[in-house]
N, C-alpha and C. Protein backbone atom coordinates (compact mmCIF):
# COMPACT_ATOMS: atom_id res chain seq x y z
N MET A 1 0.83 -1.18 0.00
CA MET A 1 0.00 0.00 0.00
C MET A 1 0.88 1.25 0.00
N LYS A 2 0.46 2.22 -0.81
CA LYS A 2 1.20 3.46 -0.91
C LYS A 2 0.69 4.45 0.14
N THR A 3 1.62 5.24 0.68
CA THR A 3 1.26 6.26 1.65
C THR A 3 1.18 7.61 0.96
N TYR A 4 0.09 8.33 1.21
CA TYR A 4 -0.11 9.68 0.69
C TYR A 4 -0.18 10.65 1.84
N GLN A 5 0.29 11.85 1.62
CA GLN A 5 0.11 12.94 2.58
C GLN A 5 -1.18 13.67 2.21
N LEU A 6 -2.02 13.95 3.20
CA LEU A 6 -3.25 14.69 2.93
C LEU A 6 -2.95 16.06 2.34
N GLU A 7 -1.86 16.64 2.75
CA GLU A 7 -1.43 17.93 2.19
C GLU A 7 -1.31 17.84 0.66
N ASP A 8 -0.75 16.73 0.16
CA ASP A 8 -0.57 16.56 -1.29
C ASP A 8 -1.90 16.40 -2.01
N ILE A 9 -2.86 15.74 -1.36
CA ILE A 9 -4.18 15.56 -1.96
C ILE A 9 -4.87 16.93 -2.10
N PHE A 10 -4.73 17.76 -1.07
CA PHE A 10 -5.33 19.10 -1.15
C PHE A 10 -4.59 19.98 -2.15
N LYS A 11 -3.26 19.80 -2.27
CA LYS A 11 -2.52 20.55 -3.29
C LYS A 11 -3.03 20.18 -4.67
N PHE A 12 -3.28 18.91 -4.87
CA PHE A 12 -3.83 18.46 -6.15
C PHE A 12 -5.20 19.10 -6.38
N ALA A 13 -6.03 19.17 -5.34
CA ALA A 13 -7.35 19.79 -5.47
C ALA A 13 -7.22 21.27 -5.85
N VAL A 14 -6.23 21.96 -5.28
CA VAL A 14 -5.98 23.36 -5.66
C VAL A 14 -5.63 23.43 -7.14
N ASP A 15 -4.73 22.54 -7.58
CA ASP A 15 -4.34 22.51 -9.00
C ASP A 15 -5.53 22.25 -9.91
N VAL A 16 -6.41 21.34 -9.49
CA VAL A 16 -7.61 21.03 -10.29
C VAL A 16 -8.47 22.28 -10.45
N GLU A 17 -8.69 22.99 -9.36
CA GLU A 17 -9.54 24.17 -9.41
C GLU A 17 -8.90 25.28 -10.24
N GLU A 18 -7.58 25.43 -10.15
CA GLU A 18 -6.89 26.42 -10.98
C GLU A 18 -6.96 26.06 -12.45
N GLN A 19 -6.84 24.76 -12.75
CA GLN A 19 -7.02 24.31 -14.14
C GLN A 19 -8.43 24.61 -14.60
N GLY A 20 -9.39 24.39 -13.72
CA GLY A 20 -10.78 24.66 -14.05
C GLY A 20 -11.00 26.12 -14.39
N LYS A 21 -10.38 27.01 -13.63
CA LYS A 21 -10.50 28.44 -13.91
C LYS A 21 -9.97 28.73 -15.31
N ARG A 22 -8.79 28.20 -15.63
CA ARG A 22 -8.22 28.44 -16.97
C ARG A 22 -9.12 27.87 -18.07
N PHE A 23 -9.65 26.67 -17.83
CA PHE A 23 -10.54 26.02 -18.80
C PHE A 23 -11.78 26.88 -19.04
N TYR A 24 -12.42 27.33 -17.95
CA TYR A 24 -13.65 28.10 -18.10
C TYR A 24 -13.38 29.50 -18.64
N ASP A 25 -12.26 30.12 -18.27
CA ASP A 25 -11.91 31.43 -18.85
C ASP A 25 -11.76 31.32 -20.36
N ALA A 26 -11.01 30.30 -20.79
CA ALA A 26 -10.79 30.11 -22.23
C ALA A 26 -12.10 29.75 -22.92
N GLY A 27 -12.91 28.90 -22.29
CA GLY A 27 -14.20 28.53 -22.87
C GLY A 27 -15.13 29.72 -22.99
N SER A 28 -15.09 30.60 -22.02
CA SER A 28 -15.92 31.81 -22.05
C SER A 28 -15.53 32.69 -23.23
N GLN A 29 -14.24 32.78 -23.48
CA GLN A 29 -13.76 33.60 -24.60
C GLN A 29 -14.15 32.99 -25.95
N GLN A 30 -14.25 31.68 -26.00
CA GLN A 30 -14.57 31.00 -27.26
C GLN A 30 -16.06 30.86 -27.51
N ALA A 31 -16.85 30.98 -26.48
CA ALA A 31 -18.29 30.74 -26.60
C ALA A 31 -18.93 31.76 -27.55
N GLY A 32 -19.81 31.26 -28.38
CA GLY A 32 -20.49 32.12 -29.33
C GLY A 32 -21.82 32.64 -28.81
N ARG A 33 -22.33 32.06 -27.77
CA ARG A 33 -23.62 32.48 -27.20
C ARG A 33 -23.40 33.09 -25.83
N ASP A 34 -24.10 34.17 -25.55
CA ASP A 34 -23.97 34.85 -24.27
C ASP A 34 -24.27 33.93 -23.10
N GLU A 35 -25.26 33.05 -23.26
CA GLU A 35 -25.65 32.13 -22.20
C GLU A 35 -24.46 31.27 -21.76
N VAL A 36 -23.72 30.75 -22.73
CA VAL A 36 -22.56 29.90 -22.45
C VAL A 36 -21.41 30.76 -21.92
N LYS A 37 -21.18 31.89 -22.56
CA LYS A 37 -20.11 32.81 -22.15
C LYS A 37 -20.28 33.23 -20.69
N ASP A 38 -21.49 33.64 -20.33
CA ASP A 38 -21.75 34.09 -18.97
C ASP A 38 -21.62 32.95 -17.95
N LEU A 39 -22.13 31.79 -18.31
CA LEU A 39 -22.02 30.64 -17.41
C LEU A 39 -20.56 30.27 -17.18
N PHE A 40 -19.77 30.21 -18.24
CA PHE A 40 -18.36 29.83 -18.10
C PHE A 40 -17.58 30.88 -17.31
N ALA A 41 -17.90 32.17 -17.49
CA ALA A 41 -17.23 33.22 -16.70
C ALA A 41 -17.57 33.05 -15.22
N TRP A 42 -18.82 32.73 -14.91
CA TRP A 42 -19.23 32.50 -13.53
C TRP A 42 -18.54 31.26 -12.97
N LEU A 43 -18.48 30.20 -13.77
CA LEU A 43 -17.83 28.97 -13.31
C LEU A 43 -16.34 29.20 -13.02
N ALA A 44 -15.68 30.04 -13.81
CA ALA A 44 -14.27 30.36 -13.57
C ALA A 44 -14.10 30.99 -12.18
N LYS A 45 -15.01 31.89 -11.82
CA LYS A 45 -14.95 32.52 -10.49
C LYS A 45 -15.20 31.50 -9.39
N GLU A 46 -16.14 30.59 -9.63
CA GLU A 46 -16.43 29.54 -8.64
C GLU A 46 -15.22 28.65 -8.41
N GLU A 47 -14.51 28.32 -9.48
CA GLU A 47 -13.33 27.46 -9.35
C GLU A 47 -12.27 28.14 -8.47
N MET A 48 -12.11 29.44 -8.60
CA MET A 48 -11.13 30.14 -7.77
C MET A 48 -11.56 30.18 -6.31
N LYS A 49 -12.86 30.29 -6.05
CA LYS A 49 -13.34 30.22 -4.66
C LYS A 49 -12.97 28.88 -4.06
N HIS A 50 -13.16 27.81 -4.83
CA HIS A 50 -12.83 26.47 -4.33
C HIS A 50 -11.32 26.34 -4.12
N ALA A 51 -10.52 26.86 -5.04
CA ALA A 51 -9.06 26.78 -4.92
C ALA A 51 -8.60 27.42 -3.61
N LYS A 52 -9.19 28.56 -3.26
CA LYS A 52 -8.81 29.24 -2.01
C LYS A 52 -9.15 28.39 -0.80
N LYS A 53 -10.30 27.73 -0.84
CA LYS A 53 -10.68 26.86 0.29
C LYS A 53 -9.71 25.69 0.40
N PHE A 54 -9.38 25.07 -0.73
CA PHE A 54 -8.47 23.93 -0.70
C PHE A 54 -7.06 24.36 -0.27
N LEU A 55 -6.65 25.56 -0.64
CA LEU A 55 -5.34 26.05 -0.22
C LEU A 55 -5.29 26.19 1.30
N LYS A 56 -6.38 26.64 1.88
CA LYS A 56 -6.47 26.75 3.35
C LYS A 56 -6.32 25.37 3.99
N PHE A 57 -7.01 24.36 3.43
CA PHE A 57 -6.89 23.00 3.95
C PHE A 57 -5.47 22.46 3.76
N GLN A 58 -4.89 22.75 2.60
CA GLN A 58 -3.54 22.27 2.33
C GLN A 58 -2.56 22.78 3.39
N LYS A 59 -2.66 24.06 3.70
CA LYS A 59 -1.77 24.65 4.71
C LYS A 59 -1.99 24.01 6.08
N ALA A 60 -3.26 23.79 6.43
CA ALA A 60 -3.56 23.18 7.72
C ALA A 60 -3.00 21.77 7.80
N TYR A 61 -3.17 20.99 6.74
CA TYR A 61 -2.68 19.61 6.77
C TYR A 61 -1.16 19.55 6.65
N SER A 62 -0.55 20.56 6.08
CA SER A 62 0.91 20.55 5.99
C SER A 62 1.51 20.71 7.39
N ARG A 63 0.83 21.47 8.24
CA ARG A 63 1.30 21.62 9.63
C ARG A 63 1.11 20.33 10.43
N LYS A 64 0.01 19.63 10.14
CA LYS A 64 -0.30 18.41 10.89
C LYS A 64 0.52 17.21 10.41
N GLY A 65 0.81 17.17 9.11
CA GLY A 65 1.56 16.05 8.56
C GLY A 65 0.75 14.76 8.46
N ASP A 66 -0.59 14.86 8.43
CA ASP A 66 -1.43 13.66 8.34
C ASP A 66 -1.20 12.91 7.03
N SER A 67 -1.24 11.59 7.13
CA SER A 67 -1.09 10.76 5.95
C SER A 67 -2.07 9.59 6.04
N PHE A 68 -2.18 8.86 4.94
CA PHE A 68 -3.03 7.68 4.91
C PHE A 68 -2.44 6.68 3.94
N LYS A 69 -2.78 5.43 4.16
CA LYS A 69 -2.35 4.36 3.25
C LYS A 69 -3.51 4.05 2.32
N ALA A 70 -3.19 3.98 1.03
CA ALA A 70 -4.21 3.73 0.02
C ALA A 70 -4.15 2.28 -0.42
N ASP A 71 -5.31 1.60 -0.41
CA ASP A 71 -5.36 0.25 -0.95
C ASP A 71 -5.22 0.35 -2.48
N ALA A 72 -5.17 -0.79 -3.15
CA ALA A 72 -4.93 -0.81 -4.59
C ALA A 72 -6.00 -0.03 -5.36
N ARG A 73 -7.26 -0.16 -4.95
CA ARG A 73 -8.34 0.55 -5.65
C ARG A 73 -8.17 2.06 -5.52
N LEU A 74 -7.94 2.53 -4.30
CA LEU A 74 -7.81 3.96 -4.06
C LEU A 74 -6.53 4.49 -4.71
N ASP A 75 -5.45 3.74 -4.63
CA ASP A 75 -4.21 4.16 -5.26
C ASP A 75 -4.41 4.31 -6.77
N GLY A 76 -5.10 3.36 -7.38
CA GLY A 76 -5.38 3.45 -8.82
C GLY A 76 -6.22 4.67 -9.15
N LEU A 77 -7.23 4.93 -8.33
CA LEU A 77 -8.10 6.09 -8.55
C LEU A 77 -7.31 7.39 -8.43
N LEU A 78 -6.54 7.52 -7.36
CA LEU A 78 -5.78 8.75 -7.16
C LEU A 78 -4.76 8.95 -8.28
N ASN A 79 -4.09 7.88 -8.67
CA ASN A 79 -3.12 7.99 -9.76
C ASN A 79 -3.79 8.40 -11.06
N THR A 80 -4.96 7.84 -11.33
CA THR A 80 -5.67 8.19 -12.55
C THR A 80 -6.01 9.68 -12.56
N TYR A 81 -6.55 10.17 -11.46
CA TYR A 81 -6.89 11.58 -11.40
C TYR A 81 -5.64 12.46 -11.44
N MET A 82 -4.62 12.09 -10.69
CA MET A 82 -3.44 12.95 -10.59
C MET A 82 -2.63 12.96 -11.89
N ARG A 83 -2.61 11.86 -12.60
CA ARG A 83 -1.88 11.83 -13.87
C ARG A 83 -2.65 12.55 -14.95
N GLY A 84 -3.93 12.22 -15.06
CA GLY A 84 -4.72 12.77 -16.14
C GLY A 84 -5.35 14.10 -15.80
N MET A 85 -5.20 14.50 -14.54
CA MET A 85 -5.88 15.67 -14.03
C MET A 85 -7.37 15.49 -14.30
N ILE A 86 -8.13 16.50 -14.12
CA ILE A 86 -9.57 16.38 -14.31
C ILE A 86 -10.02 17.23 -15.48
N PHE A 87 -9.47 18.43 -15.59
CA PHE A 87 -9.82 19.30 -16.70
C PHE A 87 -8.87 19.04 -17.86
N PRO A 88 -9.40 18.87 -19.06
CA PRO A 88 -8.53 18.66 -20.21
C PRO A 88 -7.88 19.98 -20.63
N ASP A 89 -6.81 19.88 -21.39
CA ASP A 89 -6.17 21.06 -21.95
C ASP A 89 -7.10 21.61 -23.03
N LEU A 90 -7.51 22.85 -22.89
CA LEU A 90 -8.50 23.41 -23.81
C LEU A 90 -7.99 23.44 -25.25
N ALA A 91 -6.68 23.59 -25.45
CA ALA A 91 -6.14 23.58 -26.81
C ALA A 91 -6.42 22.23 -27.48
N ASN A 92 -6.27 21.15 -26.72
CA ASN A 92 -6.57 19.83 -27.27
C ASN A 92 -8.06 19.67 -27.53
N VAL A 93 -8.88 20.17 -26.62
CA VAL A 93 -10.33 20.08 -26.80
C VAL A 93 -10.73 20.85 -28.06
N LYS A 94 -10.19 22.06 -28.21
CA LYS A 94 -10.53 22.89 -29.37
C LYS A 94 -10.15 22.18 -30.67
N GLU A 95 -8.99 21.56 -30.68
CA GLU A 95 -8.52 20.83 -31.86
C GLU A 95 -9.44 19.64 -32.16
N ASP A 96 -9.80 18.90 -31.11
CA ASP A 96 -10.70 17.75 -31.29
C ASP A 96 -12.06 18.21 -31.81
N LEU A 97 -12.56 19.30 -31.26
CA LEU A 97 -13.87 19.80 -31.67
C LEU A 97 -13.87 20.22 -33.13
N ALA A 98 -12.81 20.85 -33.54
CA ALA A 98 -12.74 21.31 -34.93
C ALA A 98 -12.77 20.13 -35.90
N ARG A 99 -12.21 19.02 -35.48
CA ARG A 99 -12.16 17.84 -36.34
C ARG A 99 -13.46 17.07 -36.38
N MET A 100 -14.16 16.99 -35.27
CA MET A 100 -15.22 16.00 -35.20
C MET A 100 -16.62 16.51 -34.89
N ASP A 101 -16.80 17.77 -34.62
CA ASP A 101 -18.10 18.18 -34.15
C ASP A 101 -18.66 19.33 -34.96
N ARG A 102 -19.93 19.23 -35.27
CA ARG A 102 -20.60 20.30 -36.00
C ARG A 102 -21.03 21.42 -35.07
N ASN A 103 -21.11 21.13 -33.78
CA ASN A 103 -21.53 22.13 -32.80
C ASN A 103 -20.50 22.19 -31.67
N PRO A 104 -19.40 22.92 -31.90
CA PRO A 104 -18.33 22.94 -30.89
C PRO A 104 -18.78 23.50 -29.54
N MET A 105 -19.73 24.42 -29.54
CA MET A 105 -20.20 24.97 -28.27
C MET A 105 -20.87 23.88 -27.43
N LEU A 106 -21.65 23.04 -28.09
CA LEU A 106 -22.30 21.93 -27.40
C LEU A 106 -21.24 20.98 -26.84
N SER A 107 -20.22 20.71 -27.62
CA SER A 107 -19.15 19.82 -27.14
C SER A 107 -18.40 20.42 -25.96
N LEU A 108 -18.23 21.72 -25.98
CA LEU A 108 -17.58 22.39 -24.86
C LEU A 108 -18.41 22.22 -23.59
N VAL A 109 -19.72 22.36 -23.71
CA VAL A 109 -20.62 22.18 -22.57
C VAL A 109 -20.59 20.72 -22.11
N ARG A 110 -20.61 19.78 -23.05
CA ARG A 110 -20.53 18.35 -22.67
C ARG A 110 -19.22 18.05 -21.96
N THR A 111 -18.12 18.61 -22.46
CA THR A 111 -16.82 18.41 -21.81
C THR A 111 -16.85 18.96 -20.39
N ALA A 112 -17.42 20.15 -20.23
CA ALA A 112 -17.52 20.75 -18.90
C ALA A 112 -18.37 19.87 -17.97
N MET A 113 -19.45 19.29 -18.49
CA MET A 113 -20.27 18.39 -17.68
C MET A 113 -19.45 17.19 -17.21
N GLY A 114 -18.63 16.67 -18.10
CA GLY A 114 -17.79 15.52 -17.74
C GLY A 114 -16.78 15.86 -16.67
N VAL A 115 -16.15 17.03 -16.78
CA VAL A 115 -15.13 17.36 -15.78
C VAL A 115 -15.76 17.72 -14.44
N GLU A 116 -16.94 18.32 -14.46
CA GLU A 116 -17.63 18.58 -13.19
C GLU A 116 -17.99 17.25 -12.51
N THR A 117 -18.43 16.29 -13.30
CA THR A 117 -18.75 14.96 -12.75
C THR A 117 -17.50 14.32 -12.15
N ASN A 118 -16.37 14.40 -12.86
CA ASN A 118 -15.12 13.85 -12.33
C ASN A 118 -14.69 14.55 -11.05
N SER A 119 -14.89 15.86 -10.98
CA SER A 119 -14.56 16.60 -9.76
C SER A 119 -15.39 16.09 -8.59
N ILE A 120 -16.67 15.91 -8.83
CA ILE A 120 -17.56 15.42 -7.77
C ILE A 120 -17.08 14.06 -7.27
N LEU A 121 -16.77 13.17 -8.19
CA LEU A 121 -16.30 11.83 -7.80
C LEU A 121 -15.01 11.91 -6.99
N PHE A 122 -14.08 12.74 -7.44
CA PHE A 122 -12.81 12.86 -6.74
C PHE A 122 -13.01 13.43 -5.33
N TYR A 123 -13.81 14.49 -5.21
CA TYR A 123 -14.01 15.11 -3.91
C TYR A 123 -14.79 14.20 -2.97
N GLU A 124 -15.71 13.43 -3.50
CA GLU A 124 -16.41 12.44 -2.65
C GLU A 124 -15.41 11.43 -2.12
N GLU A 125 -14.48 11.00 -2.95
CA GLU A 125 -13.45 10.05 -2.51
C GLU A 125 -12.56 10.70 -1.46
N MET A 126 -12.23 11.98 -1.65
CA MET A 126 -11.41 12.68 -0.66
C MET A 126 -12.09 12.66 0.71
N LYS A 127 -13.41 12.86 0.72
CA LYS A 127 -14.13 12.89 2.00
C LYS A 127 -13.93 11.59 2.77
N SER A 128 -13.84 10.47 2.04
CA SER A 128 -13.68 9.18 2.71
C SER A 128 -12.31 9.06 3.39
N LEU A 129 -11.37 9.92 3.03
CA LEU A 129 -10.02 9.86 3.60
C LEU A 129 -9.87 10.70 4.85
N LEU A 130 -10.83 11.56 5.10
CA LEU A 130 -10.68 12.54 6.16
C LEU A 130 -11.34 12.08 7.45
N GLY A 131 -10.71 12.43 8.55
CA GLY A 131 -11.29 12.08 9.84
C GLY A 131 -12.01 13.25 10.49
N GLU A 132 -11.61 14.46 10.15
CA GLU A 132 -12.17 15.63 10.80
C GLU A 132 -13.49 16.04 10.18
N GLU A 133 -14.51 16.12 11.01
CA GLU A 133 -15.86 16.44 10.53
C GLU A 133 -15.92 17.83 9.90
N GLU A 134 -15.19 18.76 10.45
CA GLU A 134 -15.23 20.13 9.92
C GLU A 134 -14.74 20.16 8.47
N THR A 135 -13.66 19.45 8.18
CA THR A 135 -13.13 19.40 6.82
C THR A 135 -14.07 18.63 5.90
N LYS A 136 -14.63 17.53 6.42
CA LYS A 136 -15.61 16.76 5.63
C LYS A 136 -16.82 17.63 5.28
N ASP A 137 -17.29 18.41 6.24
CA ASP A 137 -18.45 19.27 5.99
C ASP A 137 -18.13 20.32 4.93
N ALA A 138 -16.94 20.90 5.01
CA ALA A 138 -16.54 21.91 4.01
C ALA A 138 -16.44 21.26 2.63
N LEU A 139 -15.91 20.05 2.58
CA LEU A 139 -15.81 19.34 1.31
C LEU A 139 -17.19 18.97 0.78
N SER A 140 -18.10 18.61 1.66
CA SER A 140 -19.48 18.32 1.25
C SER A 140 -20.13 19.54 0.62
N LYS A 141 -19.84 20.70 1.18
CA LYS A 141 -20.38 21.95 0.62
C LYS A 141 -19.83 22.18 -0.79
N ILE A 142 -18.55 21.93 -0.97
CA ILE A 142 -17.95 22.10 -2.30
C ILE A 142 -18.56 21.11 -3.28
N VAL A 143 -18.79 19.88 -2.84
CA VAL A 143 -19.43 18.88 -3.70
C VAL A 143 -20.81 19.36 -4.12
N ARG A 144 -21.58 19.91 -3.18
CA ARG A 144 -22.91 20.43 -3.52
C ARG A 144 -22.81 21.57 -4.54
N GLU A 145 -21.80 22.42 -4.38
CA GLU A 145 -21.60 23.51 -5.34
C GLU A 145 -21.25 22.95 -6.72
N GLU A 146 -20.38 21.93 -6.75
CA GLU A 146 -20.03 21.30 -8.03
C GLU A 146 -21.27 20.66 -8.67
N GLN A 147 -22.12 20.07 -7.84
CA GLN A 147 -23.37 19.49 -8.36
C GLN A 147 -24.25 20.60 -8.95
N GLY A 148 -24.27 21.76 -8.31
CA GLY A 148 -25.00 22.90 -8.84
C GLY A 148 -24.44 23.35 -10.18
N HIS A 149 -23.12 23.32 -10.32
CA HIS A 149 -22.49 23.66 -11.60
C HIS A 149 -22.98 22.70 -12.68
N LEU A 150 -23.02 21.42 -12.33
CA LEU A 150 -23.46 20.40 -13.28
C LEU A 150 -24.92 20.64 -13.70
N VAL A 151 -25.76 21.00 -12.76
CA VAL A 151 -27.17 21.29 -13.08
C VAL A 151 -27.26 22.47 -14.05
N LYS A 152 -26.50 23.52 -13.80
CA LYS A 152 -26.52 24.69 -14.69
C LYS A 152 -26.03 24.30 -16.10
N LEU A 153 -24.99 23.49 -16.16
CA LEU A 153 -24.49 23.05 -17.46
C LEU A 153 -25.53 22.20 -18.19
N LYS A 154 -26.23 21.35 -17.46
CA LYS A 154 -27.28 20.54 -18.08
C LYS A 154 -28.39 21.44 -18.63
N GLY A 155 -28.73 22.49 -17.91
CA GLY A 155 -29.74 23.43 -18.39
C GLY A 155 -29.33 24.08 -19.69
N VAL A 156 -28.07 24.48 -19.78
CA VAL A 156 -27.58 25.08 -21.04
C VAL A 156 -27.59 24.03 -22.14
N ARG A 157 -27.21 22.81 -21.79
CA ARG A 157 -27.20 21.76 -22.81
C ARG A 157 -28.61 21.50 -23.34
N LEU A 158 -29.60 21.56 -22.48
CA LEU A 158 -30.98 21.38 -22.94
C LEU A 158 -31.34 22.41 -24.00
N ASN A 159 -30.84 23.64 -23.83
CA ASN A 159 -31.11 24.69 -24.81
C ASN A 159 -30.34 24.50 -26.11
N LEU A 160 -29.18 23.89 -26.03
CA LEU A 160 -28.33 23.74 -27.21
C LEU A 160 -28.57 22.45 -27.99
N ASP A 161 -29.13 21.45 -27.33
CA ASP A 161 -29.17 20.11 -27.90
C ASP A 161 -30.58 19.51 -27.83
N PRO A 162 -31.34 19.59 -28.92
CA PRO A 162 -32.70 19.05 -28.90
C PRO A 162 -32.73 17.53 -28.68
N TYR A 163 -31.69 16.82 -29.10
CA TYR A 163 -31.65 15.37 -28.88
C TYR A 163 -31.53 15.05 -27.39
N TYR A 164 -30.68 15.79 -26.70
CA TYR A 164 -30.52 15.62 -25.26
C TYR A 164 -31.84 15.91 -24.55
N SER A 165 -32.49 16.97 -24.98
CA SER A 165 -33.78 17.33 -24.41
C SER A 165 -34.80 16.22 -24.61
N ALA A 166 -34.83 15.65 -25.81
CA ALA A 166 -35.78 14.57 -26.11
C ALA A 166 -35.48 13.32 -25.27
N ILE A 167 -34.21 13.02 -25.13
CA ILE A 167 -33.84 11.83 -24.34
C ILE A 167 -34.16 12.04 -22.86
N LYS A 168 -33.87 13.23 -22.34
CA LYS A 168 -34.10 13.52 -20.92
C LYS A 168 -35.58 13.61 -20.58
N TYR A 169 -36.36 14.24 -21.48
CA TYR A 169 -37.73 14.55 -21.14
C TYR A 169 -38.77 13.91 -22.06
N GLY A 170 -38.32 13.16 -23.06
CA GLY A 170 -39.22 12.41 -23.91
C GLY A 170 -40.04 13.24 -24.86
N SER A 171 -39.63 14.48 -25.09
CA SER A 171 -40.36 15.30 -26.06
C SER A 171 -39.41 16.28 -26.70
N TRP A 172 -39.84 16.79 -27.85
CA TRP A 172 -39.06 17.81 -28.56
C TRP A 172 -39.59 19.17 -28.17
N PHE A 173 -38.68 20.07 -27.87
CA PHE A 173 -39.10 21.42 -27.47
C PHE A 173 -38.97 22.36 -28.63
């Protein structure tokens, strides 16, 4: 079993949120519709709020020096997230979209939905590593905020994608 420092897990969370800010800033600049542009600008600000909270936790855990041993499943999960990060490089996304999608804005929203989902999964896993209720509660709040981001993205997707709307609600709008 590999040993991880909780400080390092929170540092990774800070990095994820900073990547998210860059992703959403760039997405906001590329968006062709005000609805998407405004949502991505708001999401960029939300990511920085989360980064500041995680930085506070990182500093606290660096003083404590808390660590944990990860079983094979958890080690694989953490490695997957830490290697691949959660937010893709927007330059790669833009290149992929240009090659394969007729509606790049829709793909940008779908990509954002995927990374918000991955963030939720990662932060839920982080909660299982923590012993302190106060930190768990703060992380639960961040998870709820990430879930709210996902709901907002789904709402925009409903407006952009009639097929998604039909699948979700069984009718064409």
